[in-house]
Amino acid sequence: MMHVEQAIRRVNRNVALTWAIHGLLAGAVAASLIVGTILQLPPILLAAIPCILWVLLAVNGYRETHNAMRWPMLIASGDLVKAEQEIESAIHGFSVMRSVKLLSLHHLAVLRMAQRNWTDAARLSKAVQGHRLGRDGSLTRASLLVLAASATRVGQMRDAYEALQCLRGMPLTLDEQLSLLHAECGYLGRIGAWEAMAWRIEVKVKMAELMPSEAAAQTEGLLALAAKRMGQSPWTELLKRRCELLGDAAKLVGEEPALAELWPR
């Protein structure tokens, strides 16, 4: 298993090297054009060498990006060993596409979440956030969602709060909105903000119904506890029954100790 600090150092070093290579190739193209003009040689022919090298490196990078699309499926299917092997291989290797390295770091954080290693997941997500990410913002949002959930688990409430606030100001897909609600309920439960969690509870319950069963059970359990604290007994009983249908109450309490109030021994 690769140590998290080692993974972060390798990715940071590769990203810095990638910028240097891009700079050298751009400089080589410019120099070829100038030298060709001075020596009265076809500048395009001289510039072709660095351009071809640039294209070959880019094609290899896109191939690695395509391979990275397999990792979420491996993690979701529970094949964590194979996912970790492929992610570590990508981190150890060199790529001229910085996006490949940042995706590797992000998916390693997702893998650590699946392994319940919340501390490593939070550190990896913060490392991803330290880089300039893509313009479409998808990796930024995905990394912030991992950071919000994992930082809450290890008590890094300031990091979790800042991640949640950033996400609140972004346009989110439906899946991202569901992940945000799950992370937000976990955060509000840890700080005891029951009134905020119970606000518009009917909308939150409808959204929780769209989540995967484990996330839905955790979210509805916390909403049930918020409803109990706010004196909304009908919601409490309804959500308790939903949680019992979706998962084991003892397991839910193990994940969220505060839920012991709903299912006392």
C-alpha atoms as a PDB file:
ATOM      1  CA  MET A   1       0.000   0.000   0.000  1.00  0.00           C
ATOM      2  CA  MET A   2       1.402   3.373  -1.034  1.00  0.00           C
ATOM      3  CA  HIS A   3       1.811   5.869   1.793  1.00  0.00           C
ATOM      4  CA  VAL A   4      -0.291   8.985   1.301  1.00  0.00           C
ATOM      5  CA  GLU A   5       2.644  11.399   1.669  1.00  0.00           C
ATOM      6  CA  GLN A   6       4.654   9.454  -0.877  1.00  0.00           C
ATOM      7  CA  ALA A   7       1.758   9.611  -3.351  1.00  0.00           C
ATOM      8  CA  ILE A   8       1.354  13.366  -2.855  1.00  0.00           C
ATOM      9  CA  ARG A   9       5.104  13.997  -3.333  1.00  0.00           C
ATOM     10  CA  ARG A  10       5.217  11.914  -6.515  1.00  0.00           C
ATOM     11  CA  VAL A  11       2.234  13.691  -8.020  1.00  0.00           C
ATOM     12  CA  ASN A  12       3.560  17.149  -7.101  1.00  0.00           C
ATOM     13  CA  ARG A  13       6.950  16.300  -8.620  1.00  0.00           C
ATOM     14  CA  ASN A  14       5.345  14.942 -11.800  1.00  0.00           C
ATOM     15  CA  VAL A  15       3.115  18.004 -12.196  1.00  0.00           C
ATOM     16  CA  ALA A  16       6.126  20.314 -11.826  1.00  0.00           C
ATOM     17  CA  LEU A  17       8.053  18.219 -14.364  1.00  0.00           C
ATOM     18  CA  THR A  18       5.095  18.334 -16.742  1.00  0.00           C
ATOM     19  CA  TRP A  19       5.068  22.145 -16.700  1.00  0.00           C
ATOM     20  CA  ALA A  20       8.822  22.142 -17.361  1.00  0.00           C
ATOM     21  CA  ILE A  21       8.470  19.762 -20.332  1.00  0.00           C
ATOM     22  CA  HIS A  22       5.678  21.835 -21.851  1.00  0.00           C
ATOM     23  CA  GLY A  23       7.845  24.919 -21.471  1.00  0.00           C
ATOM     24  CA  LEU A  24      10.850  23.227 -23.076  1.00  0.00           C
ATOM     25  CA  LEU A  25       8.828  21.940 -26.024  1.00  0.00           C
ATOM     26  CA  ALA A  26       7.228  25.349 -26.584  1.00  0.00           C
ATOM     27  CA  GLY A  27      10.685  26.928 -26.419  1.00  0.00           C
ATOM     28  CA  ALA A  28      12.026  24.332 -28.866  1.00  0.00           C
ATOM     29  CA  VAL A  29       9.276  25.148 -31.371  1.00  0.00           C
ATOM     30  CA  ALA A  30       9.947  28.887 -31.092  1.00  0.00           C
ATOM     31  CA  ALA A  31      13.712  28.348 -31.394  1.00  0.00           C
ATOM     32  CA  SER A  32      13.211  26.131 -34.479  1.00  0.00           C
ATOM     33  CA  LEU A  33      11.221  28.843 -36.205  1.00  0.00           C
ATOM     34  CA  ILE A  34      13.828  31.518 -35.415  1.00  0.00           C
ATOM     35  CA  VAL A  35      16.842  29.360 -36.335  1.00  0.00           C
ATOM     36  CA  GLY A  36      15.171  28.187 -39.555  1.00  0.00           C
ATOM     37  CA  THR A  37      14.557  31.795 -40.595  1.00  0.00           C
ATOM     38  CA  ILE A  38      18.144  32.825 -39.823  1.00  0.00           C
ATOM     39  CA  LEU A  39      19.722  29.827 -41.593  1.00  0.00           C
ATOM     40  CA  GLN A  40      17.221  30.007 -44.461  1.00  0.00           C
ATOM     41  CA  LEU A  41      15.968  26.494 -43.720  1.00  0.00           C
ATOM     42  CA  PRO A  42      12.306  25.463 -43.761  1.00  0.00           C
ATOM     43  CA  PRO A  43      11.227  26.454 -40.197  1.00  0.00           C
ATOM     44  CA  ILE A  44       8.295  24.037 -40.291  1.00  0.00           C
ATOM     45  CA  LEU A  45      10.617  21.060 -40.796  1.00  0.00           C
ATOM     46  CA  LEU A  46      12.764  22.063 -37.823  1.00  0.00           C
ATOM     47  CA  ALA A  47       9.716  22.661 -35.640  1.00  0.00           C
ATOM     48  CA  ALA A  48       8.231  19.297 -36.644  1.00  0.00           C
ATOM     49  CA  ILE A  49      10.540  17.359 -34.315  1.00  0.00           C
ATOM     50  CA  PRO A  50       9.386  18.932 -31.007  1.00  0.00           C
ATOM     51  CA  CYS A  51       5.800  19.078 -32.326  1.00  0.00           C
ATOM     52  CA  ILE A  52       5.769  15.339 -33.070  1.00  0.00           C
ATOM     53  CA  LEU A  53       7.229  14.585 -29.645  1.00  0.00           C
ATOM     54  CA  TRP A  54       4.575  16.803 -28.063  1.00  0.00           C
ATOM     55  CA  VAL A  55       1.800  14.967 -29.933  1.00  0.00           C
ATOM     56  CA  LEU A  56       3.146  11.519 -28.979  1.00  0.00           C
ATOM     57  CA  LEU A  57       3.297  12.470 -25.317  1.00  0.00           C
ATOM     58  CA  ALA A  58      -0.228  13.895 -25.484  1.00  0.00           C
ATOM     59  CA  VAL A  59      -1.621  10.737 -27.132  1.00  0.00           C
ATOM     60  CA  ASN A  60      -0.068   8.604 -24.408  1.00  0.00           C
ATOM     61  CA  GLY A  61      -1.552  10.928 -21.793  1.00  0.00           C
ATOM     62  CA  TYR A  62      -5.032  10.645 -23.280  1.00  0.00           C
ATOM     63  CA  ARG A  63      -4.692   6.856 -23.273  1.00  0.00           C
ATOM     64  CA  GLU A  64      -3.868   6.983 -19.562  1.00  0.00           C
ATOM     65  CA  THR A  65      -6.851   9.271 -18.964  1.00  0.00           C
ATOM     66  CA  HIS A  66      -9.080   6.701 -20.654  1.00  0.00           C
ATOM     67  CA  ASN A  67      -7.665   3.978 -18.391  1.00  0.00           C
ATOM     68  CA  ALA A  68      -8.438   6.162 -15.363  1.00  0.00           C
ATOM     69  CA  MET A  69     -12.131   5.981 -16.226  1.00  0.00           C
ATOM     70  CA  ARG A  70     -12.077   2.342 -15.059  1.00  0.00           C
ATOM     71  CA  TRP A  71     -11.189   3.190 -11.479  1.00  0.00           C
ATOM     72  CA  PRO A  72     -14.601   4.434 -10.278  1.00  0.00           C
ATOM     73  CA  MET A  73     -16.209   1.208 -11.576  1.00  0.00           C
ATOM     74  CA  LEU A  74     -13.621  -0.939  -9.799  1.00  0.00           C
ATOM     75  CA  ILE A  75     -14.160   0.945  -6.533  1.00  0.00           C
ATOM     76  CA  ALA A  76     -17.958   0.831  -6.845  1.00  0.00           C
ATOM     77  CA  SER A  77     -17.868  -2.920  -7.536  1.00  0.00           C
ATOM     78  CA  GLY A  78     -15.748  -3.515  -4.426  1.00  0.00           C
ATOM     79  CA  ASP A  79     -12.606  -4.611  -6.296  1.00  0.00           C
ATOM     80  CA  LEU A  80     -10.469  -2.327  -4.132  1.00  0.00           C
ATOM     81  CA  VAL A  81      -7.242  -4.315  -4.477  1.00  0.00           C
ATOM     82  CA  LYS A  82      -7.185  -4.073  -8.277  1.00  0.00           C
ATOM     83  CA  ALA A  83      -8.231  -0.417  -8.142  1.00  0.00           C
ATOM     84  CA  GLU A  84      -5.378   0.373  -5.766  1.00  0.00           C
ATOM     85  CA  GLN A  85      -2.862  -1.472  -7.945  1.00  0.00           C
ATOM     86  CA  GLU A  86      -3.892   0.479 -11.059  1.00  0.00           C
ATOM     87  CA  ILE A  87      -3.953   3.827  -9.242  1.00  0.00           C
ATOM     88  CA  GLU A  88      -0.526   3.251  -7.694  1.00  0.00           C
ATOM     89  CA  SER A  89       0.847   2.227 -11.098  1.00  0.00           C
ATOM     90  CA  ALA A  90      -0.429   5.497 -12.580  1.00  0.00           C
ATOM     91  CA  ILE A  91       1.100   7.510  -9.733  1.00  0.00           C
ATOM     92  CA  HIS A  92       4.482   5.774 -10.101  1.00  0.00           C
ATOM     93  CA  GLY A  93       4.546   6.245 -13.882  1.00  0.00           C
ATOM     94  CA  PHE A  94       5.214   9.445 -15.791  1.00  0.00           C
ATOM     95  CA  SER A  95       2.571  11.309 -17.774  1.00  0.00           C
ATOM     96  CA  VAL A  96       2.764  14.577 -19.648  1.00  0.00           C
ATOM     97  CA  MET A  97      -0.949  15.084 -18.827  1.00  0.00           C
ATOM     98  CA  ARG A  98      -1.161  16.617 -15.359  1.00  0.00           C
ATOM     99  CA  SER A  99      -4.871  15.751 -15.264  1.00  0.00           C
ATOM    100  CA  VAL A 100      -3.948  12.039 -15.133  1.00  0.00           C
ATOM    101  CA  LYS A 101      -1.870  12.559 -11.991  1.00  0.00           C
ATOM    102  CA  LEU A 102      -4.533  14.675 -10.304  1.00  0.00           C
ATOM    103  CA  LEU A 103      -7.194  12.091 -11.176  1.00  0.00           C
ATOM    104  CA  SER A 104      -4.945   9.421  -9.666  1.00  0.00           C
ATOM    105  CA  LEU A 105      -4.674  11.380  -6.436  1.00  0.00           C
ATOM    106  CA  HIS A 106      -8.433  12.028  -6.318  1.00  0.00           C
ATOM    107  CA  HIS A 107      -9.369   8.411  -6.960  1.00  0.00           C
ATOM    108  CA  LEU A 108      -6.881   7.295  -4.330  1.00  0.00           C
ATOM    109  CA  ALA A 109      -8.824   9.538  -1.916  1.00  0.00           C
ATOM    110  CA  VAL A 110     -12.102   7.921  -3.039  1.00  0.00           C
ATOM    111  CA  LEU A 111     -10.507   4.487  -2.531  1.00  0.00           C
ATOM    112  CA  ARG A 112      -9.379   5.434   0.990  1.00  0.00           C
ATOM    113  CA  MET A 113     -12.953   6.521   1.750  1.00  0.00           C
ATOM    114  CA  ALA A 114     -14.203   3.116   0.610  1.00  0.00           C
ATOM    115  CA  GLN A 115     -11.618   1.576   2.966  1.00  0.00           C
ATOM    116  CA  ARG A 116     -12.882   3.842   5.799  1.00  0.00           C
ATOM    117  CA  ASN A 117      -9.470   5.521   6.007  1.00  0.00           C
ATOM    118  CA  TRP A 118     -10.910   9.007   6.480  1.00  0.00           C
ATOM    119  CA  THR A 119      -7.645  10.683   7.499  1.00  0.00           C
ATOM    120  CA  ASP A 120      -5.828   9.731   4.293  1.00  0.00           C
ATOM    121  CA  ALA A 121      -8.883  10.649   2.201  1.00  0.00           C
ATOM    122  CA  ALA A 122      -8.944  14.139   3.712  1.00  0.00           C
ATOM    123  CA  ARG A 123      -5.200  14.678   3.202  1.00  0.00           C
ATOM    124  CA  LEU A 124      -5.323  13.502  -0.406  1.00  0.00           C
ATOM    125  CA  SER A 125      -8.318  15.714  -1.211  1.00  0.00           C
ATOM    126  CA  LYS A 126      -6.630  18.753   0.299  1.00  0.00           C
ATOM    127  CA  ALA A 127      -3.569  17.986  -1.833  1.00  0.00           C
ATOM    128  CA  VAL A 128      -5.729  17.867  -4.974  1.00  0.00           C
ATOM    129  CA  GLN A 129      -7.293  21.203  -4.036  1.00  0.00           C
ATOM    130  CA  GLY A 130      -3.792  22.689  -3.856  1.00  0.00           C
ATOM    131  CA  HIS A 131      -3.452  22.407  -7.648  1.00  0.00           C
ATOM    132  CA  ARG A 132      -5.055  24.438 -10.413  1.00  0.00           C
ATOM    133  CA  LEU A 133      -7.790  22.145 -11.660  1.00  0.00           C
ATOM    134  CA  GLY A 134      -9.712  21.904 -14.931  1.00  0.00           C
ATOM    135  CA  ARG A 135     -11.974  24.647 -16.213  1.00  0.00           C
ATOM    136  CA  ASP A 136     -15.122  22.500 -16.203  1.00  0.00           C
ATOM    137  CA  GLY A 137     -14.857  22.212 -12.409  1.00  0.00           C
ATOM    138  CA  SER A 138     -15.846  18.532 -12.230  1.00  0.00           C
ATOM    139  CA  LEU A 139     -12.668  17.445 -10.454  1.00  0.00           C
ATOM    140  CA  THR A 140     -12.884  20.467  -8.130  1.00  0.00           C
ATOM    141  CA  ARG A 141     -16.420  19.548  -7.072  1.00  0.00           C
ATOM    142  CA  ALA A 142     -15.670  15.833  -6.729  1.00  0.00           C
ATOM    143  CA  SER A 143     -12.597  16.521  -4.606  1.00  0.00           C
ATOM    144  CA  LEU A 144     -14.481  19.004  -2.390  1.00  0.00           C
ATOM    145  CA  LEU A 145     -17.216  16.430  -1.782  1.00  0.00           C
ATOM    146  CA  VAL A 146     -14.639  13.874  -0.650  1.00  0.00           C
ATOM    147  CA  LEU A 147     -12.950  16.494   1.537  1.00  0.00           C
ATOM    148  CA  ALA A 148     -16.241  17.568   3.159  1.00  0.00           C
ATOM    149  CA  ALA A 149     -17.230  13.997   4.039  1.00  0.00           C
ATOM    150  CA  SER A 150     -13.811  12.744   5.168  1.00  0.00           C
ATOM    151  CA  ALA A 151     -12.810  15.875   7.101  1.00  0.00           C
ATOM    152  CA  THR A 152     -16.064  15.642   9.066  1.00  0.00           C
ATOM    153  CA  ARG A 153     -15.266  12.045  10.011  1.00  0.00           C
ATOM    154  CA  VAL A 154     -11.882  12.959  11.492  1.00  0.00           C
ATOM    155  CA  GLY A 155     -13.079  16.116  13.220  1.00  0.00           C
ATOM    156  CA  GLN A 156     -11.468  18.631  10.852  1.00  0.00           C
ATOM    157  CA  MET A 157     -14.585  20.753  10.995  1.00  0.00           C
ATOM    158  CA  ARG A 158     -13.065  23.925   9.556  1.00  0.00           C
ATOM    159  CA  ASP A 159     -11.925  22.089   6.413  1.00  0.00           C
ATOM    160  CA  ALA A 160     -15.340  20.431   6.132  1.00  0.00           C
ATOM    161  CA  TYR A 161     -17.151  23.763   6.542  1.00  0.00           C
ATOM    162  CA  GLU A 162     -15.016  25.517   3.926  1.00  0.00           C
ATOM    163  CA  ALA A 163     -15.525  22.659   1.449  1.00  0.00           C
ATOM    164  CA  LEU A 164     -19.303  22.744   1.993  1.00  0.00           C
ATOM    165  CA  GLN A 165     -19.401  26.511   1.559  1.00  0.00           C
ATOM    166  CA  CYS A 166     -17.474  26.287  -1.720  1.00  0.00           C
ATOM    167  CA  LEU A 167     -19.841  23.607  -3.008  1.00  0.00           C
ATOM    168  CA  ARG A 168     -22.893  25.685  -2.095  1.00  0.00           C
ATOM    169  CA  GLY A 169     -21.756  28.353  -4.556  1.00  0.00           C
ATOM    170  CA  MET A 170     -21.255  25.939  -7.474  1.00  0.00           C
ATOM    171  CA  PRO A 171     -23.666  24.545 -10.067  1.00  0.00           C
ATOM    172  CA  LEU A 172     -24.083  20.866  -9.154  1.00  0.00           C
ATOM    173  CA  THR A 173     -25.433  17.824 -10.965  1.00  0.00           C
ATOM    174  CA  LEU A 174     -28.140  15.756  -9.241  1.00  0.00           C
ATOM    175  CA  ASP A 175     -25.594  13.150  -8.073  1.00  0.00           C
ATOM    176  CA  GLU A 176     -23.427  15.919  -6.655  1.00  0.00           C
ATOM    177  CA  GLN A 177     -26.425  17.470  -4.869  1.00  0.00           C
ATOM    178  CA  LEU A 178     -27.174  14.108  -3.264  1.00  0.00           C
ATOM    179  CA  SER A 179     -23.542  13.699  -2.170  1.00  0.00           C
ATOM    180  CA  LEU A 180     -23.582  17.240  -0.809  1.00  0.00           C
ATOM    181  CA  LEU A 181     -26.721  16.549   1.242  1.00  0.00           C
ATOM    182  CA  HIS A 182     -25.147  13.379   2.634  1.00  0.00           C
ATOM    183  CA  ALA A 183     -21.948  15.218   3.598  1.00  0.00           C
ATOM    184  CA  GLU A 184     -23.856  18.208   4.954  1.00  0.00           C
ATOM    185  CA  CYS A 185     -26.069  16.074   7.209  1.00  0.00           C
ATOM    186  CA  GLY A 186     -22.958  14.358   8.578  1.00  0.00           C
ATOM    187  CA  TYR A 187     -21.370  17.744   9.285  1.00  0.00           C
ATOM    188  CA  LEU A 188     -24.487  19.241  10.907  1.00  0.00           C
ATOM    189  CA  GLY A 189     -24.912  16.122  13.035  1.00  0.00           C
ATOM    190  CA  ARG A 190     -21.345  16.340  14.323  1.00  0.00           C
ATOM    191  CA  ILE A 191     -21.741  19.987  15.380  1.00  0.00           C
ATOM    192  CA  GLY A 192     -25.259  19.457  16.736  1.00  0.00           C
ATOM    193  CA  ALA A 193     -27.010  21.850  14.331  1.00  0.00           C
ATOM    194  CA  TRP A 194     -30.313  19.960  14.498  1.00  0.00           C
ATOM    195  CA  GLU A 195     -32.535  22.909  13.618  1.00  0.00           C
ATOM    196  CA  ALA A 196     -30.575  23.571  10.422  1.00  0.00           C
ATOM    197  CA  MET A 197     -30.744  19.889   9.505  1.00  0.00           C
ATOM    198  CA  ALA A 198     -34.501  19.693  10.102  1.00  0.00           C
ATOM    199  CA  TRP A 199     -35.170  22.775   7.946  1.00  0.00           C
ATOM    200  CA  ARG A 200     -37.115  21.730   4.825  1.00  0.00           C
ATOM    201  CA  ILE A 201     -36.917  18.136   6.001  1.00  0.00           C
ATOM    202  CA  GLU A 202     -39.557  16.995   3.504  1.00  0.00           C
ATOM    203  CA  VAL A 203     -37.327  18.039   0.574  1.00  0.00           C
ATOM    204  CA  LYS A 204     -34.267  16.407   2.121  1.00  0.00           C
ATOM    205  CA  VAL A 205     -36.141  13.141   2.662  1.00  0.00           C
ATOM    206  CA  LYS A 206     -37.205  13.060  -1.000  1.00  0.00           C
ATOM    207  CA  MET A 207     -33.594  13.604  -2.042  1.00  0.00           C
ATOM    208  CA  ALA A 208     -32.334  10.940   0.371  1.00  0.00           C
ATOM    209  CA  GLU A 209     -34.664   8.427  -1.315  1.00  0.00           C
ATOM    210  CA  LEU A 210     -32.565   8.828  -4.490  1.00  0.00           C
ATOM    211  CA  MET A 211     -29.282   7.953  -2.774  1.00  0.00           C
ATOM    212  CA  PRO A 212     -27.615   4.532  -2.699  1.00  0.00           C
ATOM    213  CA  SER A 213     -28.978   2.466   0.198  1.00  0.00           C
ATOM    214  CA  GLU A 214     -26.055   2.974   2.609  1.00  0.00           C
ATOM    215  CA  ALA A 215     -25.914   6.753   2.127  1.00  0.00           C
ATOM    216  CA  ALA A 216     -29.718   6.959   2.247  1.00  0.00           C
ATOM    217  CA  ALA A 217     -29.846   5.077   5.564  1.00  0.00           C
ATOM    218  CA  GLN A 218     -27.170   7.309   7.126  1.00  0.00           C
ATOM    219  CA  THR A 219     -28.823  10.509   5.885  1.00  0.00           C
ATOM    220  CA  GLU A 220     -32.328   9.489   6.927  1.00  0.00           C
ATOM    221  CA  GLY A 221     -31.038   8.337  10.306  1.00  0.00           C
ATOM    222  CA  LEU A 222     -29.530  11.762  10.965  1.00  0.00           C
ATOM    223  CA  LEU A 223     -32.703  13.445   9.720  1.00  0.00           C
ATOM    224  CA  ALA A 224     -34.717  11.246  12.084  1.00  0.00           C
ATOM    225  CA  LEU A 225     -32.524  12.340  14.979  1.00  0.00           C
ATOM    226  CA  ALA A 226     -32.879  15.991  13.953  1.00  0.00           C
ATOM    227  CA  ALA A 227     -36.666  15.571  13.800  1.00  0.00           C
ATOM    228  CA  LYS A 228     -36.654  14.032  17.284  1.00  0.00           C
ATOM    229  CA  ARG A 229     -34.576  16.876  18.702  1.00  0.00           C
ATOM    230  CA  MET A 230     -36.989  19.385  17.127  1.00  0.00           C
ATOM    231  CA  GLY A 231     -40.096  17.601  18.399  1.00  0.00           C
ATOM    232  CA  GLN A 232     -41.267  16.337  14.998  1.00  0.00           C
ATOM    233  CA  SER A 233     -42.271  12.830  16.106  1.00  0.00           C
ATOM    234  CA  PRO A 234     -44.082  11.728  12.884  1.00  0.00           C
ATOM    235  CA  TRP A 235     -40.938  12.327  10.845  1.00  0.00           C
ATOM    236  CA  THR A 236     -38.832  10.533  13.451  1.00  0.00           C
ATOM    237  CA  GLU A 237     -40.906   7.345  13.333  1.00  0.00           C
ATOM    238  CA  LEU A 238     -41.219   7.373   9.550  1.00  0.00           C
ATOM    239  CA  LEU A 239     -37.485   7.822   9.016  1.00  0.00           C
ATOM    240  CA  LYS A 240     -36.575   5.202  11.614  1.00  0.00           C
ATOM    241  CA  ARG A 241     -38.678   2.651   9.746  1.00  0.00           C
ATOM    242  CA  ARG A 242     -37.049   3.672   6.457  1.00  0.00           C
ATOM    243  CA  CYS A 243     -33.587   3.220   7.970  1.00  0.00           C
ATOM    244  CA  GLU A 244     -34.476  -0.237   9.284  1.00  0.00           C
ATOM    245  CA  LEU A 245     -35.608  -1.234   5.792  1.00  0.00           C
ATOM    246  CA  LEU A 246     -32.427   0.065   4.182  1.00  0.00           C
ATOM    247  CA  GLY A 247     -29.837  -1.317   6.604  1.00  0.00           C
ATOM    248  CA  ASP A 248     -28.930  -2.715   9.981  1.00  0.00           C
ATOM    249  CA  ALA A 249     -29.539  -0.312  12.875  1.00  0.00           C
ATOM    250  CA  ALA A 250     -26.473  -1.544  14.785  1.00  0.00           C
ATOM    251  CA  LYS A 251     -24.252  -0.857  11.773  1.00  0.00           C
ATOM    252  CA  LEU A 252     -25.728   2.625  11.409  1.00  0.00           C
ATOM    253  CA  VAL A 253     -24.979   3.373  15.060  1.00  0.00           C
ATOM    254  CA  GLY A 254     -21.433   2.104  14.527  1.00  0.00           C
ATOM    255  CA  GLU A 255     -20.975   4.575  11.672  1.00  0.00           C
ATOM    256  CA  GLU A 256     -22.769   7.465  13.433  1.00  0.00           C
ATOM    257  CA  PRO A 257     -22.627   7.016  17.250  1.00  0.00           C
ATOM    258  CA  ALA A 258     -25.155   9.833  17.781  1.00  0.00           C
ATOM    259  CA  LEU A 259     -27.832   7.571  16.262  1.00  0.00           C
ATOM    260  CA  ALA A 260     -27.699   5.419  19.398  1.00  0.00           C
ATOM    261  CA  GLU A 261     -30.351   7.810  20.706  1.00  0.00           C
ATOM    262  CA  LEU A 262     -32.785   6.386  18.130  1.00  0.00           C
ATOM    263  CA  TRP A 263     -31.927   2.747  18.780  1.00  0.00           C
ATOM    264  CA  PRO A 264     -30.962   2.387  22.460  1.00  0.00           C
ATOM    265  CA  ARG A 265     -29.708  -1.027  23.494  1.00  0.00           C
END
